[in-house]
Amino acid sequence: MTNEKEKIQIIAERVNEFFEQILVLKSSDMMRQYLEFCERVPNHAMFNNTLVFIQKPSCYYYATKSQWKKRFNREPKPFARPLLILFPFAPVEFVYDLEDTDGEPLPKNFIEWWIEEKGGVSKEKMENLTSLCEELGIKTSVASTNYLHKKGHMTFGIASRKLANNERSIELHPRYEDPAVLQEAFGVLVHEVAHHLLGHLGEMRKKVETKNGFVEVVIAKDGRDNDRPVREVEAELTAWFLFSKYGIAKKSAEYLAGWITQQNAKSARITEVCKVADNIYKMSEGKRWWVKKVPKPSSLMRI
């Protein structure tokens, strides 16, 4: 019998296959519809958004039966079609589209209830992200003015890794010393962090302390096989997804269109992009997502 891990892998493969098709059609209505859908449902995991969209591209907004009841006093209609998502601590969960529910009228801004709670990008979120990058061994800095002579005006951030000592870093354009461009700086930082966490500079591991000693967890799988256009598409999609979670419209369309070709679209790993977008979001909220990757006590090995 297929176990739960294998089932999830099969689902992930189908999600990747579907996304390959709409990514190739970068100017199609389907791609636009997908991105607009992701903007409407920022409070859900990005992978689940993609999974729901595949099952029902016309879905406007989705929630579980209990979420509809608790937040909006609505319930699924009789014979409503449930949509499948992956759920923490359980194999799957069922959700329902807005049009498949009945109940109290919705407030005009019902989708934006989460924005007041999160508040968009702030200096604190930028500091959280840079601080936790340091914990993962990624040093971040704003470059000196010499950066302009070396990199030029069109490069706003550089993610790098020195193979000799495995030192990882992110260097931002000198313009990001100005607090007035905080949102732009945050977007560039997220893009460069994504390069590291998507494995574009090689595998990443971290030792995490537990009651039974230190365990080494994989932070990023090696993703160096793909060429630069694929890496840029993955990193910018990650940044776009994260901005949509904060209710901010990131102007990524032209950048993505410049990199996407039929060949590299087939190599973009949407499942990895969704996962990394959610993980960087957690870091900007001050959460160490890698702690949850520690195996159960019975399988721990001392290092």
Protein backbone atom coordinates (compact mmCIF):
# COMPACT_ATOMS: atom_id res chain seq x y z
CA MET A 1 0.00 0.00 0.00
CA THR A 2 1.11 3.55 -0.65
CA ASN A 3 2.05 5.23 2.64
CA GLU A 4 1.24 8.85 3.49
CA LYS A 5 4.72 10.09 2.58
CA GLU A 6 4.44 8.53 -0.87
CA LYS A 7 0.95 10.00 -1.35
CA ILE A 8 2.25 13.48 -0.52
CA GLN A 9 5.11 12.98 -2.99
CA ILE A 10 2.63 12.01 -5.72
CA ILE A 11 0.57 15.14 -4.96
CA ALA A 12 3.71 17.30 -5.11
CA GLU A 13 4.67 15.83 -8.48
CA ARG A 14 1.23 16.58 -9.90
CA VAL A 15 1.40 20.15 -8.59
CA ASN A 16 4.78 20.60 -10.29
CA GLU A 17 3.44 19.21 -13.56
CA PHE A 18 0.45 21.55 -13.51
CA PHE A 19 2.55 24.59 -12.69
CA GLU A 20 4.96 23.79 -15.51
CA GLN A 21 2.06 24.12 -17.94
CA ILE A 22 0.82 27.50 -16.68
CA LEU A 23 4.37 28.85 -16.26
CA VAL A 24 5.13 28.14 -19.90
CA LEU A 25 2.00 30.12 -20.77
CA LYS A 26 3.34 33.14 -18.90
CA SER A 27 0.95 35.60 -20.59
CA SER A 28 -2.09 33.34 -20.40
CA ASP A 29 -5.26 34.04 -18.46
CA MET A 30 -4.53 30.93 -16.39
CA MET A 31 -1.26 32.37 -15.06
CA ARG A 32 -2.89 35.70 -14.26
CA GLN A 33 -5.81 33.93 -12.59
CA TYR A 34 -3.43 31.83 -10.49
CA LEU A 35 -1.44 34.85 -9.23
CA GLU A 36 -4.62 36.80 -8.46
CA PHE A 37 -5.95 33.80 -6.53
CA CYS A 38 -2.77 33.60 -4.43
CA GLU A 39 -3.16 37.29 -3.55
CA ARG A 40 -6.68 36.65 -2.25
CA VAL A 41 -5.72 33.80 0.09
CA PRO A 42 -2.48 34.94 1.78
CA ASN A 43 -3.35 33.40 5.13
CA HIS A 44 -2.99 29.87 3.72
CA ALA A 45 0.19 27.94 2.92
CA MET A 46 1.37 28.63 -0.63
CA PHE A 47 1.52 24.94 -1.55
CA ASN A 48 -2.11 24.51 -0.50
CA ASN A 49 -3.11 27.56 -2.54
CA THR A 50 -1.58 25.92 -5.60
CA LEU A 51 -3.22 22.60 -4.76
CA VAL A 52 -6.66 24.21 -4.41
CA PHE A 53 -6.25 26.20 -7.64
CA ILE A 54 -5.44 23.01 -9.55
CA GLN A 55 -8.66 21.41 -8.27
CA LYS A 56 -10.82 24.49 -8.87
CA PRO A 57 -9.30 27.43 -10.81
CA SER A 58 -12.51 29.42 -10.30
CA CYS A 59 -12.20 29.26 -6.49
CA TYR A 60 -12.51 32.73 -4.99
CA TYR A 61 -11.61 32.10 -1.34
CA TYR A 62 -11.41 28.89 0.67
CA ALA A 63 -11.51 27.81 4.31
CA THR A 64 -12.20 24.68 6.34
CA LYS A 65 -15.70 23.96 7.62
CA SER A 66 -14.72 25.10 11.13
CA GLN A 67 -13.04 28.28 9.83
CA TRP A 68 -16.13 29.28 7.86
CA LYS A 69 -18.26 28.77 10.97
CA LYS A 70 -15.95 30.49 13.46
CA ARG A 71 -14.91 33.50 11.35
CA PHE A 72 -17.96 34.13 9.19
CA ASN A 73 -20.83 32.05 10.64
CA ARG A 74 -21.23 30.18 7.37
CA GLU A 75 -21.46 26.46 6.59
CA PRO A 76 -20.92 24.31 3.48
CA LYS A 77 -24.03 23.79 1.34
CA PRO A 78 -25.53 20.29 1.11
CA PHE A 79 -23.50 18.23 -1.39
CA ALA A 80 -20.85 20.98 -1.62
CA ARG A 81 -17.69 19.78 -3.33
CA PRO A 82 -14.79 19.64 -0.83
CA LEU A 83 -11.28 20.56 -1.95
CA LEU A 84 -8.24 18.74 -0.60
CA ILE A 85 -5.25 20.40 1.08
CA LEU A 86 -2.33 19.09 3.15
CA PHE A 87 -2.69 19.92 6.83
CA PRO A 88 -0.14 20.12 9.69
CA PHE A 89 -0.11 17.00 11.89
CA ALA A 90 -2.63 15.28 9.60
CA PRO A 91 -2.36 13.81 6.09
CA VAL A 92 -5.13 15.86 4.46
CA GLU A 93 -7.90 18.32 5.23
CA PHE A 94 -10.97 19.42 3.29
CA VAL A 95 -11.82 23.05 2.49
CA TYR A 96 -14.70 24.77 0.72
CA ASP A 97 -14.94 27.61 -1.76
CA LEU A 98 -16.97 30.69 -0.83
CA GLU A 99 -19.65 29.92 -3.42
CA ASP A 100 -20.20 26.51 -1.81
CA THR A 101 -21.18 27.99 1.58
CA ASP A 102 -24.35 29.53 3.04
CA GLY A 103 -24.84 31.76 6.06
CA GLU A 104 -24.50 35.34 7.19
CA PRO A 105 -23.60 38.00 4.59
CA LEU A 106 -19.89 38.66 4.39
CA PRO A 107 -18.39 42.08 5.20
CA LYS A 108 -17.05 43.90 2.14
CA ASN A 109 -13.45 43.52 3.31
CA PHE A 110 -13.78 39.97 4.62
CA ILE A 111 -10.59 38.82 2.86
CA GLU A 112 -8.56 41.63 4.37
CA TRP A 113 -9.20 40.66 8.02
CA TRP A 114 -5.63 39.33 8.22
CA ILE A 115 -3.96 42.57 7.04
CA GLU A 116 -4.76 44.44 10.24
CA GLU A 117 -3.23 41.58 12.22
CA LYS A 118 0.02 41.40 10.23
CA GLY A 119 0.49 45.02 9.29
CA GLY A 120 2.61 44.60 6.18
CA VAL A 121 6.38 45.04 5.99
CA SER A 122 8.05 46.82 8.91
CA LYS A 123 11.57 47.48 10.15
CA GLU A 124 11.02 44.76 12.76
CA LYS A 125 10.28 42.16 10.06
CA MET A 126 13.42 43.16 8.18
CA GLU A 127 15.46 42.83 11.37
CA ASN A 128 13.87 39.46 12.20
CA LEU A 129 14.80 38.13 8.78
CA THR A 130 18.40 39.36 8.87
CA SER A 131 18.87 38.09 12.43
CA LEU A 132 17.61 34.59 11.67
CA CYS A 133 19.64 34.52 8.45
CA GLU A 134 22.68 35.04 10.68
CA GLU A 135 21.60 32.01 12.75
CA LEU A 136 21.55 29.98 9.55
CA GLY A 137 25.03 31.19 8.68
CA ILE A 138 24.00 33.79 6.08
CA LYS A 139 25.63 37.15 6.78
CA THR A 140 23.74 40.15 5.42
CA SER A 141 25.12 43.64 4.84
CA VAL A 142 24.58 46.84 2.89
CA ALA A 143 27.51 47.35 0.54
CA SER A 144 29.83 50.33 0.43
CA THR A 145 29.65 52.81 -2.44
CA ASN A 146 32.38 50.79 -4.20
CA TYR A 147 29.59 48.32 -4.97
CA LEU A 148 28.42 50.61 -7.78
CA HIS A 149 31.77 50.38 -9.55
CA LYS A 150 31.95 46.59 -9.21
CA LYS A 151 28.33 45.54 -9.74
CA GLY A 152 26.70 48.46 -11.53
CA HIS A 153 23.43 50.26 -10.90
CA MET A 154 21.17 47.44 -12.14
CA THR A 155 22.19 44.84 -9.53
CA PHE A 156 20.43 45.46 -6.22
CA GLY A 157 21.54 42.37 -4.31
CA ILE A 158 24.05 39.53 -4.46
CA ALA A 159 23.81 36.12 -2.78
CA SER A 160 27.16 34.35 -2.56
CA ARG A 161 28.99 31.43 -1.00
CA LYS A 162 32.72 30.87 -0.61
CA LEU A 163 33.45 27.21 -1.24
CA ALA A 164 36.74 27.32 0.68
CA ASN A 165 35.09 27.95 4.07
CA ASN A 166 31.38 27.60 3.16
CA GLU A 167 30.80 31.23 4.18
CA ARG A 168 27.43 32.48 2.94
CA SER A 169 26.48 36.11 2.50
CA ILE A 170 24.03 38.59 1.02
CA GLU A 171 25.19 42.04 -0.04
CA LEU A 172 22.59 44.72 -0.72
CA HIS A 173 22.89 47.87 -2.83
CA PRO A 174 24.04 51.03 -0.92
CA ARG A 175 20.65 52.67 -1.62
CA TYR A 176 19.12 50.41 1.03
CA GLU A 177 20.76 52.41 3.81
CA ASP A 178 17.81 54.77 3.27
CA PRO A 179 14.84 53.77 5.50
CA ALA A 180 12.50 55.37 2.94
CA VAL A 181 13.02 52.37 0.64
CA LEU A 182 12.48 49.73 3.33
CA GLN A 183 9.85 47.84 1.34
CA GLU A 184 12.05 47.64 -1.74
CA ALA A 185 15.02 46.56 0.39
CA PHE A 186 12.90 43.85 2.00
CA GLY A 187 11.89 42.53 -1.42
CA VAL A 188 15.50 42.36 -2.61
CA LEU A 189 16.57 40.69 0.65
CA VAL A 190 13.83 38.05 0.33
CA HIS A 191 14.88 37.34 -3.27
CA GLU A 192 18.50 36.80 -2.20
CA VAL A 193 17.57 34.73 0.88
CA ALA A 194 15.49 32.57 -1.46
CA HIS A 195 18.60 31.82 -3.55
CA HIS A 196 20.22 30.35 -0.43
CA LEU A 197 17.17 28.45 0.87
CA LEU A 198 16.31 27.05 -2.56
CA GLY A 199 19.78 25.51 -2.69
CA HIS A 200 20.95 27.63 -5.63
CA LEU A 201 24.34 27.91 -3.93
CA GLY A 202 24.39 24.29 -2.79
CA GLU A 203 22.99 22.26 0.09
CA MET A 204 22.57 23.87 3.52
CA ARG A 205 22.61 22.06 6.86
CA LYS A 206 22.35 23.26 10.45
CA LYS A 207 23.02 21.66 13.81
CA VAL A 208 20.02 22.02 16.11
CA GLU A 209 20.29 21.44 19.84
CA THR A 210 17.83 18.99 21.45
CA LYS A 211 17.56 17.29 24.85
CA ASN A 212 19.40 14.33 23.34
CA GLY A 213 22.26 16.33 21.86
CA PHE A 214 22.78 18.12 18.57
CA VAL A 215 21.10 16.94 15.39
CA GLU A 216 21.88 18.06 11.88
CA VAL A 217 18.90 19.05 9.75
CA VAL A 218 18.76 19.86 6.05
CA ILE A 219 17.88 23.52 5.53
CA ALA A 220 18.10 23.47 1.72
CA LYS A 221 18.55 20.68 -0.80
CA ASP A 222 21.18 21.15 -3.49
CA GLY A 223 19.51 23.09 -6.32
CA ARG A 224 22.54 23.96 -8.43
CA ASP A 225 21.53 21.75 -11.37
CA ASN A 226 19.32 24.42 -12.91
CA ASP A 227 20.72 27.32 -14.92
CA ARG A 228 20.43 30.98 -13.95
CA PRO A 229 17.05 31.72 -15.62
CA VAL A 230 15.43 28.92 -13.59
CA ARG A 231 17.07 30.11 -10.39
CA GLU A 232 15.90 33.69 -10.97
CA VAL A 233 12.32 32.56 -11.70
CA GLU A 234 12.25 30.51 -8.48
CA ALA A 235 13.73 33.30 -6.32
CA GLU A 236 11.44 36.03 -7.69
CA LEU A 237 8.33 33.85 -7.37
CA THR A 238 9.32 33.26 -3.74
CA ALA A 239 9.51 37.02 -3.14
CA TRP A 240 6.22 37.58 -4.97
CA PHE A 241 4.45 34.93 -2.85
CA LEU A 242 5.81 36.43 0.37
CA PHE A 243 4.71 39.95 -0.58
CA SER A 244 1.23 38.65 -1.37
CA LYS A 245 1.06 37.24 2.18
CA TYR A 246 1.63 40.79 3.45
CA GLY A 247 -0.96 42.26 1.09
CA ILE A 248 1.61 44.14 -0.98
CA ALA A 249 1.61 44.14 -4.78
CA LYS A 250 5.14 43.30 -5.89
CA LYS A 251 5.86 44.27 -9.50
CA SER A 252 7.39 40.96 -10.59
CA ALA A 253 5.63 40.37 -13.91
CA GLU A 254 8.19 42.01 -16.20
CA TYR A 255 11.13 40.52 -14.30
CA LEU A 256 9.66 37.01 -14.49
CA ALA A 257 8.69 37.38 -18.15
CA GLY A 258 12.28 38.28 -18.95
CA TRP A 259 13.59 35.04 -17.48
CA ILE A 260 10.85 32.52 -18.29
CA THR A 261 11.33 30.37 -21.39
CA GLN A 262 9.58 27.14 -22.32
CA GLN A 263 12.71 25.18 -21.46
CA ASN A 264 13.41 26.56 -17.99
CA ALA A 265 9.73 26.76 -17.03
CA LYS A 266 9.73 22.96 -17.05
CA SER A 267 12.51 22.95 -14.46
CA ALA A 268 11.08 25.45 -11.95
CA ARG A 269 10.20 23.66 -8.68
CA ILE A 270 6.94 25.21 -7.52
CA THR A 271 6.70 22.89 -4.49
CA GLU A 272 10.10 24.09 -3.25
CA VAL A 273 9.20 27.71 -4.01
CA CYS A 274 5.98 27.46 -1.99
CA LYS A 275 7.79 25.86 0.95
CA VAL A 276 10.61 28.42 0.97
CA ALA A 277 8.16 31.35 0.68
CA ASP A 278 6.33 30.12 3.78
CA ASN A 279 9.62 29.55 5.64
CA ILE A 280 10.97 33.04 4.88
CA TYR A 281 7.61 34.47 5.97
CA LYS A 282 8.01 32.66 9.31
CA MET A 283 11.53 34.07 9.67
CA SER A 284 10.24 37.61 9.08
CA GLU A 285 7.80 36.93 11.93
CA GLY A 286 10.70 35.83 14.15
CA LYS A 287 10.00 32.09 13.95
CA ARG A 288 12.69 29.40 13.62
CA TRP A 289 10.93 26.98 11.28
CA TRP A 290 13.92 24.61 11.15
CA VAL A 291 13.37 23.56 14.77
CA LYS A 292 10.27 21.64 13.62
CA LYS A 293 12.46 19.63 11.23
CA VAL A 294 14.16 17.86 14.15
CA PRO A 295 13.27 14.13 14.04
CA LYS A 296 11.41 12.38 16.85
CA PRO A 297 13.49 11.42 19.95
CA SER A 298 13.57 7.72 19.02
CA SER A 299 15.38 8.50 15.75
CA LEU A 300 17.80 11.16 17.03
CA MET A 301 21.51 10.61 16.54
CA ARG A 302 24.15 12.47 18.50
CA ILE A 303 26.70 14.48 16.56
